[in-house]
Every structure is written in C-alpha cells, then in structure tokens.
C-alpha atoms as a PDB file:
ATOM      1  CA  MET A   1      -3.794  -6.806  16.479  1.00  0.00           C
ATOM      2  CA  LYS A   2      -4.606 -10.021  14.628  1.00  0.00           C
ATOM      3  CA  SER A   3      -7.745  -8.398  13.237  1.00  0.00           C
ATOM      4  CA  LEU A   4      -5.634  -5.489  11.946  1.00  0.00           C
ATOM      5  CA  ASP A   5      -3.262  -7.946  10.307  1.00  0.00           C
ATOM      6  CA  ASN A   6      -6.232  -9.637   8.631  1.00  0.00           C
ATOM      7  CA  TYR A   7      -7.513  -6.238   7.474  1.00  0.00           C
ATOM      8  CA  ILE A   8      -4.135  -5.457   5.881  1.00  0.00           C
ATOM      9  CA  LYS A   9      -4.012  -8.854   4.136  1.00  0.00           C
ATOM     10  CA  ARG A  10      -7.524  -8.295   2.782  1.00  0.00           C
ATOM     11  CA  ARG A  11      -6.581  -4.845   1.463  1.00  0.00           C
ATOM     12  CA  ILE A  12      -3.488  -6.246  -0.284  1.00  0.00           C
ATOM     13  CA  GLN A  13      -5.701  -8.783  -2.074  1.00  0.00           C
ATOM     14  CA  GLU A  14      -7.887  -5.934  -3.408  1.00  0.00           C
ATOM     15  CA  ILE A  15      -4.938  -4.001  -4.865  1.00  0.00           C
ATOM     16  CA  PRO A  16      -4.678  -5.688  -8.305  1.00  0.00           C
ATOM     17  CA  THR A  17      -8.249  -4.726  -9.168  1.00  0.00           C
ATOM     18  CA  GLU A  18      -7.737  -1.192  -7.846  1.00  0.00           C
ATOM     19  CA  ILE A  19      -4.542  -0.679  -9.853  1.00  0.00           C
ATOM     20  CA  LYS A  20      -6.200  -1.844 -13.062  1.00  0.00           C
ATOM     21  CA  GLN A  21      -9.151   0.495 -12.499  1.00  0.00           C
ATOM     22  CA  THR A  22      -7.359   3.522 -11.031  1.00  0.00           C
ATOM     23  CA  PHE A  23      -3.955   3.484 -12.744  1.00  0.00           C
ATOM     24  CA  PRO A  24      -4.419   2.018 -16.227  1.00  0.00           C
ATOM     25  CA  ASN A  25      -1.701   4.208 -17.806  1.00  0.00           C
ATOM     26  CA  ILE A  26       0.461   5.100 -14.828  1.00  0.00           C
ATOM     27  CA  LYS A  27       3.550   6.080 -16.810  1.00  0.00           C
ATOM     28  CA  GLN A  28       1.678   8.385 -19.162  1.00  0.00           C
ATOM     29  CA  ILE A  29      -0.680  10.000 -16.673  1.00  0.00           C
ATOM     30  CA  TRP A  30       1.494  10.283 -13.551  1.00  0.00           C
ATOM     31  CA  LYS A  31       4.815  10.806 -15.357  1.00  0.00           C
ATOM     32  CA  CYS A  32       6.634   8.496 -12.985  1.00  0.00           C
ATOM     33  CA  ASN A  33       9.627   6.414 -13.934  1.00  0.00           C
ATOM     34  CA  ASP A  34       9.422   3.942 -11.074  1.00  0.00           C
ATOM     35  CA  GLU A  35       5.910   2.570 -10.947  1.00  0.00           C
ATOM     36  CA  LEU A  36       6.664   0.141  -8.121  1.00  0.00           C
ATOM     37  CA  ASP A  37       7.958   2.825  -5.736  1.00  0.00           C
ATOM     38  CA  PHE A  38       5.098   5.170  -6.579  1.00  0.00           C
ATOM     39  CA  LEU A  39       2.397   2.530  -6.108  1.00  0.00           C
ATOM     40  CA  TYR A  40       4.057   1.060  -3.011  1.00  0.00           C
ATOM     41  CA  GLY A  41       4.079   4.454  -1.304  1.00  0.00           C
ATOM     42  CA  TYR A  42       0.540   5.163  -2.458  1.00  0.00           C
ATOM     43  CA  TYR A  43      -0.809   1.885  -1.105  1.00  0.00           C
ATOM     44  CA  VAL A  44       1.115   2.029   2.171  1.00  0.00           C
ATOM     45  CA  GLY A  45      -0.591   5.392   2.755  1.00  0.00           C
ATOM     46  CA  LYS A  46      -4.016   4.085   1.706  1.00  0.00           C
ATOM     47  CA  ILE A  47      -3.716   0.973   3.889  1.00  0.00           C
ATOM     48  CA  GLU A  48      -2.440   3.042   6.818  1.00  0.00           C
ATOM     49  CA  GLU A  49      -5.376   5.431   6.508  1.00  0.00           C
ATOM     50  CA  GLY A  50      -7.854   2.566   6.244  1.00  0.00           C
ATOM     51  CA  ALA A  51      -6.279   0.741   9.185  1.00  0.00           C
ATOM     52  CA  LEU A  52      -6.535   3.866  11.319  1.00  0.00           C
ATOM     53  CA  HIS A  53     -10.258   4.157  10.553  1.00  0.00           C
ATOM     54  CA  TYR A  54     -10.676   0.435  11.167  1.00  0.00           C
ATOM     55  CA  LEU A  55      -9.004   0.668  14.584  1.00  0.00           C
ATOM     56  CA  LEU A  56     -10.857   3.825  15.581  1.00  0.00           C
ATOM     57  CA  LYS A  57     -14.165   2.068  14.932  1.00  0.00           C
ATOM     58  CA  ALA A  58     -12.976  -0.939  16.930  1.00  0.00           C
ATOM     59  CA  THR A  59     -11.803   1.161  19.887  1.00  0.00           C
ATOM     60  CA  ARG A  60     -15.053   3.143  19.967  1.00  0.00           C
ATOM     61  CA  ALA A  61     -16.884  -0.148  20.329  1.00  0.00           C
ATOM     62  CA  SER A  62     -14.595  -1.165  23.205  1.00  0.00           C
ATOM     63  CA  ALA A  63     -13.544   0.713  26.313  1.00  0.00           C
ATOM     64  CA  GLY A  64     -11.388   3.178  24.429  1.00  0.00           C
ATOM     65  CA  GLY A  65      -7.779   2.560  23.663  1.00  0.00           C
ATOM     66  CA  TYR A  66      -4.845   4.267  22.038  1.00  0.00           C
ATOM     67  CA  VAL A  67      -4.091   3.902  18.341  1.00  0.00           C
ATOM     68  CA  ASP A  68      -0.383   4.159  17.585  1.00  0.00           C
ATOM     69  CA  THR A  69       0.226   5.073  13.946  1.00  0.00           C
ATOM     70  CA  PHE A  70       3.812   3.815  14.183  1.00  0.00           C
ATOM     71  CA  GLU A  71       2.501   0.439  15.243  1.00  0.00           C
ATOM     72  CA  ILE A  72       0.157   0.420  12.234  1.00  0.00           C
ATOM     73  CA  ARG A  73       3.057   1.273   9.914  1.00  0.00           C
ATOM     74  CA  GLY A  74       5.116  -1.502  11.528  1.00  0.00           C
ATOM     75  CA  ILE A  75       2.396  -4.059  10.846  1.00  0.00           C
ATOM     76  CA  ILE A  76       2.079  -2.862   7.254  1.00  0.00           C
ATOM     77  CA  GLU A  77       5.853  -3.169   6.838  1.00  0.00           C
ATOM     78  CA  THR A  78       5.692  -6.831   7.922  1.00  0.00           C
ATOM     79  CA  HIS A  79       3.758  -7.327   4.682  1.00  0.00           C
ATOM     80  CA  LYS A  80       6.204  -5.291   2.564  1.00  0.00           C
ATOM     81  CA  GLN A  81       7.270  -8.174   0.320  1.00  0.00           C
ATOM     82  CA  GLU A  82       3.699  -9.359  -0.194  1.00  0.00           C
ATOM     83  CA  LEU A  83       2.593  -5.812  -1.064  1.00  0.00           C
ATOM     84  CA  GLN A  84       5.495  -5.289  -3.473  1.00  0.00           C
ATOM     85  CA  ASN A  85       4.917  -8.665  -5.139  1.00  0.00           C
ATOM     86  CA  THR A  86       1.215  -7.902  -5.540  1.00  0.00           C
ATOM     87  CA  ILE A  87       1.966  -4.581  -7.202  1.00  0.00           C
ATOM     88  CA  LYS A  88       4.691  -6.118  -9.424  1.00  0.00           C
ATOM     89  CA  SER A  89       2.300  -8.800 -10.616  1.00  0.00           C
ATOM     90  CA  VAL A  90      -0.032  -6.123 -11.962  1.00  0.00           C
ATOM     91  CA  ILE A  91       2.451  -3.721 -13.541  1.00  0.00           C
ATOM     92  CA  ASP A  92       4.734  -6.307 -15.168  1.00  0.00           C
END
C-alpha cells in the first residue's frame, strides 16, 4: 500500500492549484459557511475515487486482488492533518 500512500500524497500536493482554479469564490458560489469542512469532504471523496481507480488498474495488472474501500479511507485519514493544512493554506 506504499504506492497508494504515495498517490495520496501526490494528490494532496495538487490541491492548492485545483482549489484556485475550481473554487475561486467558494463562499459566493457554493453558499457554504465552512469552507474547510466543505473542501475537506470534497477532496476526501475525490482522492478516494482516484485511489480506487488507481488500485483497480494495479490489481488488473497483477493476479487480481480485493480493493477494500474502508482501507482506502483509512489511508486517506492518516493524512487528515496534511490535507486540512493544505486546504487552509489556500483559503486563508
């Protein structure tokens, strides 16, 4: 799962650029009061979806394997502080 961990770290590094391009006026457009919670949930979902695709490609190349979405979420949650700090650095 080290490669999955590296994938998640890489995705977190891409987030500042994505936020600036995708959510330039988050409060006005999305009508949300808590930008951090909104963006955290959004990016956990995006990273989870991307990780699932990443692992499915990897398991097709190998002898199969089972992809546990709870395990993916657990790995993402180990990077919770890093993800939150990344988002905060953009919206503050």
